[in-house]
């Protein structure tokens, strides 16, 4: 059985579509756990109505604790051999559960994941630039996670997990009170899995809406980003040098992204400068040289040299001026 966990808060205009996409799956052996996280709108009533219509649905009504707390509550009461997380403003294609379960079982893997669509309301676009489909060991998938950083690897909601991954000695749970909760946990789950299988099909639909958490880039977003990249280093040190090198490369990339996307943060300049300076100090003190990192290509090595000389920001500005454009991440 697959336990499908849906955290719910203030999504009354999206919830019916989400739940309907789950109950209509071609694979029917589902336990559907709707976690009402103290939603102040009509979501609690919508959850109860669905539970009356489908006996596979369980509803938890709880005080508001945030997305992580809601997911954790669903994990604790789940009884399926596998776990699937769906965000309540998104929806899935009818064959998602069946396709992921078949792939996981055929590969004898612990995690199966698929590609996704972006739903912009007036159009839907398939995610591009994805990780190649195939079967990966835990070290191979960590290389993809830290060195490529593709969205389909980092998020939690396009993946089918063997439930036992959450109940090892590490007892992986989502960090209550933090944003970017997937970034705190996904790498740990990928490492705990002996094998991860990626299928090429896009089966999850990620709805882009202005009111969602990911579209509000305030102070807490940047503070929690700095917190989880600190966590990468701390975690990497417990897994040995090879994993630590991967974590360090990922941290350096996130540092670049934070600095080069400063105009996107909704934070006053003084606060932003303070946090950015703290991030730079952390990277200088805690990340070993990219020049000696076996997983850092020449671009990272050049960036590292410019960073250590205090010239990276200026180099990017010159590059953008010459090109007339340029993305902040990966430039």
Protein backbone atom coordinates (compact mmCIF):
# COMPACT_ATOMS: atom_id res chain seq x y z
CA UNK A 1 0.00 0.00 0.00
CA UNK A 2 1.04 3.57 -0.70
CA UNK A 3 0.34 6.20 1.95
CA UNK A 4 -0.25 9.55 0.23
CA UNK A 5 0.33 12.47 2.62
CA UNK A 6 -1.23 15.84 1.78
CA UNK A 7 -0.50 18.82 4.12
CA UNK A 8 -3.29 21.40 3.84
CA UNK A 9 -3.46 25.09 4.72
CA UNK A 10 -5.50 27.86 3.07
CA UNK A 11 -5.91 26.18 -0.32
CA UNK A 12 -9.69 25.89 -0.58
CA UNK A 13 -9.65 26.87 -4.27
CA UNK A 14 -7.18 24.10 -5.15
CA UNK A 15 -7.94 21.27 -2.72
CA UNK A 16 -10.72 19.48 -4.62
CA UNK A 17 -8.59 19.21 -7.76
CA UNK A 18 -5.67 17.85 -5.75
CA UNK A 19 -7.65 15.19 -3.89
CA UNK A 20 -9.58 14.19 -6.99
CA UNK A 21 -6.31 13.55 -8.83
CA UNK A 22 -5.27 11.19 -6.01
CA UNK A 23 -8.50 9.21 -5.61
CA UNK A 24 -8.62 8.67 -9.40
CA UNK A 25 -5.20 7.02 -9.60
CA UNK A 26 -4.94 3.88 -11.75
CA UNK A 27 -3.27 2.24 -8.73
CA UNK A 28 -5.95 1.96 -6.05
CA UNK A 29 -4.18 0.47 -3.01
CA UNK A 30 -3.83 3.85 -1.35
CA UNK A 31 -4.08 5.28 2.14
CA UNK A 32 -4.81 8.98 1.59
CA UNK A 33 -3.90 11.11 4.61
CA UNK A 34 -5.26 14.67 4.50
CA UNK A 35 -3.55 16.77 7.19
CA UNK A 36 -5.57 19.90 7.95
CA UNK A 37 -2.92 22.11 9.52
CA UNK A 38 -5.38 24.39 11.32
CA UNK A 39 -6.58 25.94 8.08
CA UNK A 40 -8.91 28.91 8.80
CA UNK A 41 -10.90 28.62 5.55
CA UNK A 42 -13.19 25.87 4.20
CA UNK A 43 -10.41 23.28 3.89
CA UNK A 44 -11.40 21.35 7.06
CA UNK A 45 -14.94 20.86 5.75
CA UNK A 46 -13.66 19.89 2.29
CA UNK A 47 -11.40 17.26 3.88
CA UNK A 48 -14.28 15.78 5.88
CA UNK A 49 -16.50 15.71 2.80
CA UNK A 50 -13.89 13.73 0.87
CA UNK A 51 -13.48 11.30 3.79
CA UNK A 52 -17.21 10.55 3.65
CA UNK A 53 -16.95 9.86 -0.09
CA UNK A 54 -13.88 7.58 -0.06
CA UNK A 55 -13.07 5.09 2.71
CA UNK A 56 -9.34 5.23 1.86
CA UNK A 57 -9.15 8.80 3.15
CA UNK A 58 -8.06 9.64 6.69
CA UNK A 59 -8.25 13.21 7.99
CA UNK A 60 -6.10 14.77 10.69
CA UNK A 61 -7.30 18.09 12.11
CA UNK A 62 -4.48 19.73 14.07
CA UNK A 63 -3.32 23.12 15.30
CA UNK A 64 -1.28 25.06 12.78
CA UNK A 65 2.35 24.03 12.92
CA UNK A 66 3.56 24.64 9.38
CA UNK A 67 4.23 22.44 6.39
CA UNK A 68 6.95 20.34 8.05
CA UNK A 69 4.84 19.65 11.11
CA UNK A 70 1.92 18.56 8.92
CA UNK A 71 4.10 16.20 6.87
CA UNK A 72 5.57 14.73 10.05
CA UNK A 73 2.09 14.12 11.45
CA UNK A 74 1.18 12.23 8.30
CA UNK A 75 4.36 10.12 8.46
CA UNK A 76 3.61 9.08 12.05
CA UNK A 77 0.15 7.67 11.33
CA UNK A 78 0.95 6.21 7.90
CA UNK A 79 0.71 2.43 7.54
CA UNK A 80 1.69 1.88 3.90
CA UNK A 81 4.96 0.30 2.80
CA UNK A 82 5.57 3.37 0.63
CA UNK A 83 5.11 7.12 1.14
CA UNK A 84 4.16 9.77 -1.40
CA UNK A 85 3.89 13.48 -0.54
CA UNK A 86 1.61 15.78 -2.54
CA UNK A 87 1.30 19.53 -1.92
CA UNK A 88 -2.34 20.49 -1.67
CA UNK A 89 -2.29 23.22 -4.34
CA UNK A 90 -0.75 20.82 -6.88
CA UNK A 91 -2.14 17.72 -8.61
CA UNK A 92 -0.88 14.52 -10.21
CA UNK A 93 -1.53 12.58 -13.40
CA UNK A 94 -3.70 9.43 -13.07
CA UNK A 95 -0.84 6.97 -13.60
CA UNK A 96 1.72 8.53 -11.24
CA UNK A 97 1.42 6.04 -8.37
CA UNK A 98 1.38 3.04 -10.69
CA UNK A 99 4.37 4.20 -12.74
CA UNK A 100 6.52 5.04 -9.72
CA UNK A 101 5.68 1.84 -7.87
CA UNK A 102 6.43 -0.33 -10.91
CA UNK A 103 9.75 1.44 -11.46
CA UNK A 104 10.75 1.14 -7.81
CA UNK A 105 9.93 -2.56 -7.62
CA UNK A 106 11.52 -3.46 -10.96
CA UNK A 107 14.77 -1.71 -9.96
CA UNK A 108 14.66 -3.03 -6.36
CA UNK A 109 15.11 0.60 -5.36
CA UNK A 110 14.12 2.55 -2.25
CA UNK A 111 13.12 5.77 -4.06
CA UNK A 112 11.48 6.35 -7.44
CA UNK A 113 11.02 9.81 -8.90
CA UNK A 114 9.53 11.37 -12.01
CA UNK A 115 9.70 14.66 -13.87
CA UNK A 116 7.10 17.44 -13.48
CA UNK A 117 5.02 20.04 -15.27
CA UNK A 118 4.76 23.71 -14.28
CA UNK A 119 1.17 24.96 -14.34
CA UNK A 120 1.06 28.73 -14.92
CA UNK A 121 -2.72 28.92 -15.12
CA UNK A 122 -2.89 29.87 -18.79
CA UNK A 123 -0.36 27.24 -19.88
CA UNK A 124 1.51 24.14 -18.72
CA UNK A 125 5.19 23.52 -19.44
CA UNK A 126 7.28 20.40 -18.87
CA UNK A 127 10.41 20.81 -16.76
CA UNK A 128 13.55 20.76 -18.91
CA UNK A 129 17.21 20.24 -18.17
CA UNK A 130 16.44 17.16 -16.11
CA UNK A 131 18.62 14.43 -14.63
CA UNK A 132 18.91 11.50 -17.07
CA UNK A 133 16.56 8.58 -16.30
CA UNK A 134 18.15 5.44 -14.89
CA UNK A 135 19.11 3.60 -11.72
CA UNK A 136 21.53 5.37 -9.37
CA UNK A 137 23.47 4.29 -6.30
CA UNK A 138 23.29 6.63 -3.31
CA UNK A 139 26.66 8.17 -4.16
CA UNK A 140 25.75 8.63 -7.82
CA UNK A 141 22.47 10.37 -6.99
CA UNK A 142 24.18 12.63 -4.43
CA UNK A 143 26.57 13.76 -7.17
CA UNK A 144 23.57 14.74 -9.28
CA UNK A 145 21.89 16.43 -6.30
CA UNK A 146 24.84 18.57 -5.21
CA UNK A 147 26.53 19.24 -8.55
CA UNK A 148 23.48 19.76 -10.80
CA UNK A 149 20.82 20.87 -8.33
CA UNK A 150 17.93 20.10 -10.70
CA UNK A 151 14.50 20.81 -9.24
CA UNK A 152 13.18 17.28 -9.73
CA UNK A 153 15.95 15.97 -7.45
CA UNK A 154 15.57 18.51 -4.65
CA UNK A 155 11.82 18.54 -4.07
CA UNK A 156 10.01 15.89 -2.06
CA UNK A 157 6.65 15.70 -3.83
CA UNK A 158 7.58 13.88 -7.05
CA UNK A 159 9.06 10.89 -5.25
CA UNK A 160 7.84 7.54 -3.96
CA UNK A 161 9.76 6.49 -0.84
CA UNK A 162 10.09 3.21 0.94
CA UNK A 163 8.62 4.17 4.31
CA UNK A 164 11.46 2.52 6.23
CA UNK A 165 13.82 5.31 5.09
CA UNK A 166 12.12 7.60 7.60
CA UNK A 167 12.54 5.12 10.46
CA UNK A 168 16.27 4.38 10.44
CA UNK A 169 18.54 5.39 13.32
CA UNK A 170 18.79 8.84 11.72
CA UNK A 171 14.98 9.17 12.07
CA UNK A 172 14.58 11.63 9.20
CA UNK A 173 11.81 14.17 9.69
CA UNK A 174 11.03 17.63 8.31
CA UNK A 175 12.36 20.62 10.31
CA UNK A 176 9.49 22.32 12.08
CA UNK A 177 9.51 26.10 11.78
CA UNK A 178 11.86 26.19 8.80
CA UNK A 179 11.25 27.13 5.17
CA UNK A 180 12.96 25.21 2.34
CA UNK A 181 12.16 22.08 4.35
CA UNK A 182 12.97 19.78 1.41
CA UNK A 183 16.54 21.07 1.35
CA UNK A 184 17.00 19.88 4.93
CA UNK A 185 15.94 16.32 4.19
CA UNK A 186 16.05 15.19 0.55
CA UNK A 187 19.83 14.63 0.44
CA UNK A 188 19.62 12.53 3.60
CA UNK A 189 16.90 10.35 2.11
CA UNK A 190 18.79 9.94 -1.18
CA UNK A 191 21.86 8.86 0.78
CA UNK A 192 19.87 6.43 2.93
CA UNK A 193 18.43 4.76 -0.18
CA UNK A 194 20.61 1.99 -1.60
CA UNK A 195 19.24 2.76 -5.05
CA UNK A 196 17.13 5.52 -6.61
CA UNK A 197 15.38 5.09 -9.95
CA UNK A 198 14.46 8.06 -12.17
CA UNK A 199 11.80 7.77 -14.85
CA UNK A 200 11.53 10.25 -17.70
CA UNK A 201 7.78 10.82 -17.59
CA UNK A 202 6.39 14.07 -16.16
CA UNK A 203 3.62 12.94 -13.81
CA UNK A 204 3.43 15.70 -11.18
CA UNK A 205 1.92 19.15 -11.84
CA UNK A 206 3.52 21.97 -9.86
CA UNK A 207 1.10 24.91 -9.72
CA UNK A 208 2.72 28.34 -9.81
CA UNK A 209 0.72 30.80 -7.72
CA UNK A 210 1.73 34.15 -6.29
CA UNK A 211 0.52 33.39 -2.78
CA UNK A 212 2.58 30.23 -2.30
CA UNK A 213 5.51 29.98 0.12
CA UNK A 214 8.09 29.69 -2.65
CA UNK A 215 7.07 33.04 -4.15
CA UNK A 216 7.60 35.05 -0.95
CA UNK A 217 11.33 35.69 -0.65
CA UNK A 218 11.54 37.49 2.67
CA UNK A 219 14.07 37.52 5.51
CA UNK A 220 13.13 34.08 6.81
CA UNK A 221 13.77 32.56 3.37
CA UNK A 222 17.32 33.84 3.26
CA UNK A 223 18.02 33.02 6.92
CA UNK A 224 16.77 29.45 6.49
CA UNK A 225 18.75 29.07 3.26
CA UNK A 226 21.91 29.91 5.18
CA UNK A 227 20.84 27.47 7.88
CA UNK A 228 20.37 24.50 5.57
CA UNK A 229 23.66 25.07 3.75
CA UNK A 230 25.35 25.01 7.15
CA UNK A 231 23.55 21.72 7.68
CA UNK A 232 25.00 20.31 4.44
CA UNK A 233 28.53 20.73 5.82
CA UNK A 234 27.68 19.34 9.25
CA UNK A 235 25.98 16.32 7.70
CA UNK A 236 28.75 15.77 5.14
CA UNK A 237 31.36 15.58 7.87
CA UNK A 238 29.54 12.60 9.37
CA UNK A 239 29.68 10.68 6.06
CA UNK A 240 33.37 10.93 5.16
CA UNK A 241 35.51 13.02 2.84
CA UNK A 242 33.93 11.90 -0.43
CA UNK A 243 30.42 12.99 0.59
CA UNK A 244 31.81 16.12 2.24
CA UNK A 245 33.44 17.18 -1.03
CA UNK A 246 30.03 16.91 -2.73
CA UNK A 247 28.34 18.88 0.06
CA UNK A 248 31.00 21.59 -0.13
CA UNK A 249 30.49 22.00 -3.88
CA UNK A 250 26.76 22.32 -3.29
CA UNK A 251 27.27 24.88 -0.53
CA UNK A 252 29.53 26.97 -2.76
CA UNK A 253 26.89 26.97 -5.50
CA UNK A 254 24.19 28.05 -3.05
CA UNK A 255 26.46 30.81 -1.76
CA UNK A 256 26.88 32.10 -5.31
CA UNK A 257 23.16 31.91 -5.91
CA UNK A 258 22.36 33.86 -2.72
CA UNK A 259 24.81 36.62 -3.54
CA UNK A 260 23.97 36.93 -7.21
CA UNK A 261 20.19 36.95 -6.64
CA UNK A 262 20.27 39.73 -4.06
CA UNK A 263 17.84 41.85 -6.05
CA UNK A 264 15.15 39.15 -5.66
CA UNK A 265 15.13 39.13 -1.86
CA UNK A 266 12.45 41.25 -0.19
CA UNK A 267 14.76 42.35 2.62
CA UNK A 268 16.06 45.81 3.57
CA UNK A 269 19.64 46.49 2.44
CA UNK A 270 21.20 46.56 5.89
CA UNK A 271 19.71 43.21 6.89
CA UNK A 272 20.54 41.69 3.52
CA UNK A 273 24.18 42.83 3.70
CA UNK A 274 24.50 41.45 7.22
CA UNK A 275 23.17 38.02 6.24
CA UNK A 276 25.24 37.90 3.05
CA UNK A 277 28.40 38.79 4.99
CA UNK A 278 27.60 36.01 7.44
CA UNK A 279 27.16 33.57 4.55
CA UNK A 280 30.49 34.61 3.03
CA UNK A 281 32.31 34.19 6.36
CA UNK A 282 30.80 30.74 6.75
CA UNK A 283 31.92 29.62 3.29
CA UNK A 284 35.42 31.04 3.76
CA UNK A 285 35.81 29.28 7.12
CA UNK A 286 34.02 25.97 6.57
CA UNK A 287 34.38 25.07 2.88
CA UNK A 288 37.73 23.66 1.82
CA UNK A 289 39.25 24.90 -1.43
CA UNK A 290 37.37 24.09 -4.63
CA UNK A 291 40.79 23.91 -6.28
CA UNK A 292 41.39 20.57 -4.57
CA UNK A 293 37.80 19.31 -4.70
CA UNK A 294 37.70 16.24 -7.02
CA UNK A 295 34.11 17.06 -8.02
CA UNK A 296 34.64 20.74 -8.83
CA UNK A 297 34.98 21.37 -12.56
CA UNK A 298 37.00 24.22 -13.99
CA UNK A 299 34.11 26.68 -13.73
CA UNK A 300 33.81 26.15 -9.99
CA UNK A 301 37.58 26.43 -9.64
CA UNK A 302 37.61 29.77 -11.47
CA UNK A 303 34.67 31.01 -9.38
CA UNK A 304 36.44 29.89 -6.21
CA UNK A 305 39.62 31.77 -7.13
CA UNK A 306 37.62 34.92 -7.88
CA UNK A 307 35.66 34.47 -4.65
CA UNK A 308 38.80 34.16 -2.54
CA UNK A 309 40.18 37.30 -4.20
CA UNK A 310 36.91 39.15 -3.50
CA UNK A 311 36.30 39.63 -7.22
CA UNK A 312 33.43 37.23 -7.98
CA UNK A 313 30.61 39.78 -7.84
CA UNK A 314 32.54 42.20 -10.06
CA UNK A 315 33.40 39.42 -12.52
CA UNK A 316 29.73 38.48 -12.85
CA UNK A 317 28.72 42.12 -13.40
CA UNK A 318 31.30 42.42 -16.18
CA UNK A 319 30.17 39.14 -17.71
CA UNK A 320 26.53 40.27 -17.71
CA UNK A 321 27.48 43.61 -19.22
CA UNK A 322 29.37 41.86 -22.02
CA UNK A 323 26.60 39.38 -22.66
CA UNK A 324 23.73 41.79 -22.04
CA UNK A 325 22.08 39.07 -19.95
CA UNK A 326 22.90 36.22 -17.61
CA UNK A 327 21.24 34.05 -15.00
CA UNK A 328 22.31 34.33 -11.41
CA UNK A 329 22.62 30.62 -10.77
CA UNK A 330 25.24 28.67 -12.68
CA UNK A 331 26.70 31.69 -14.54
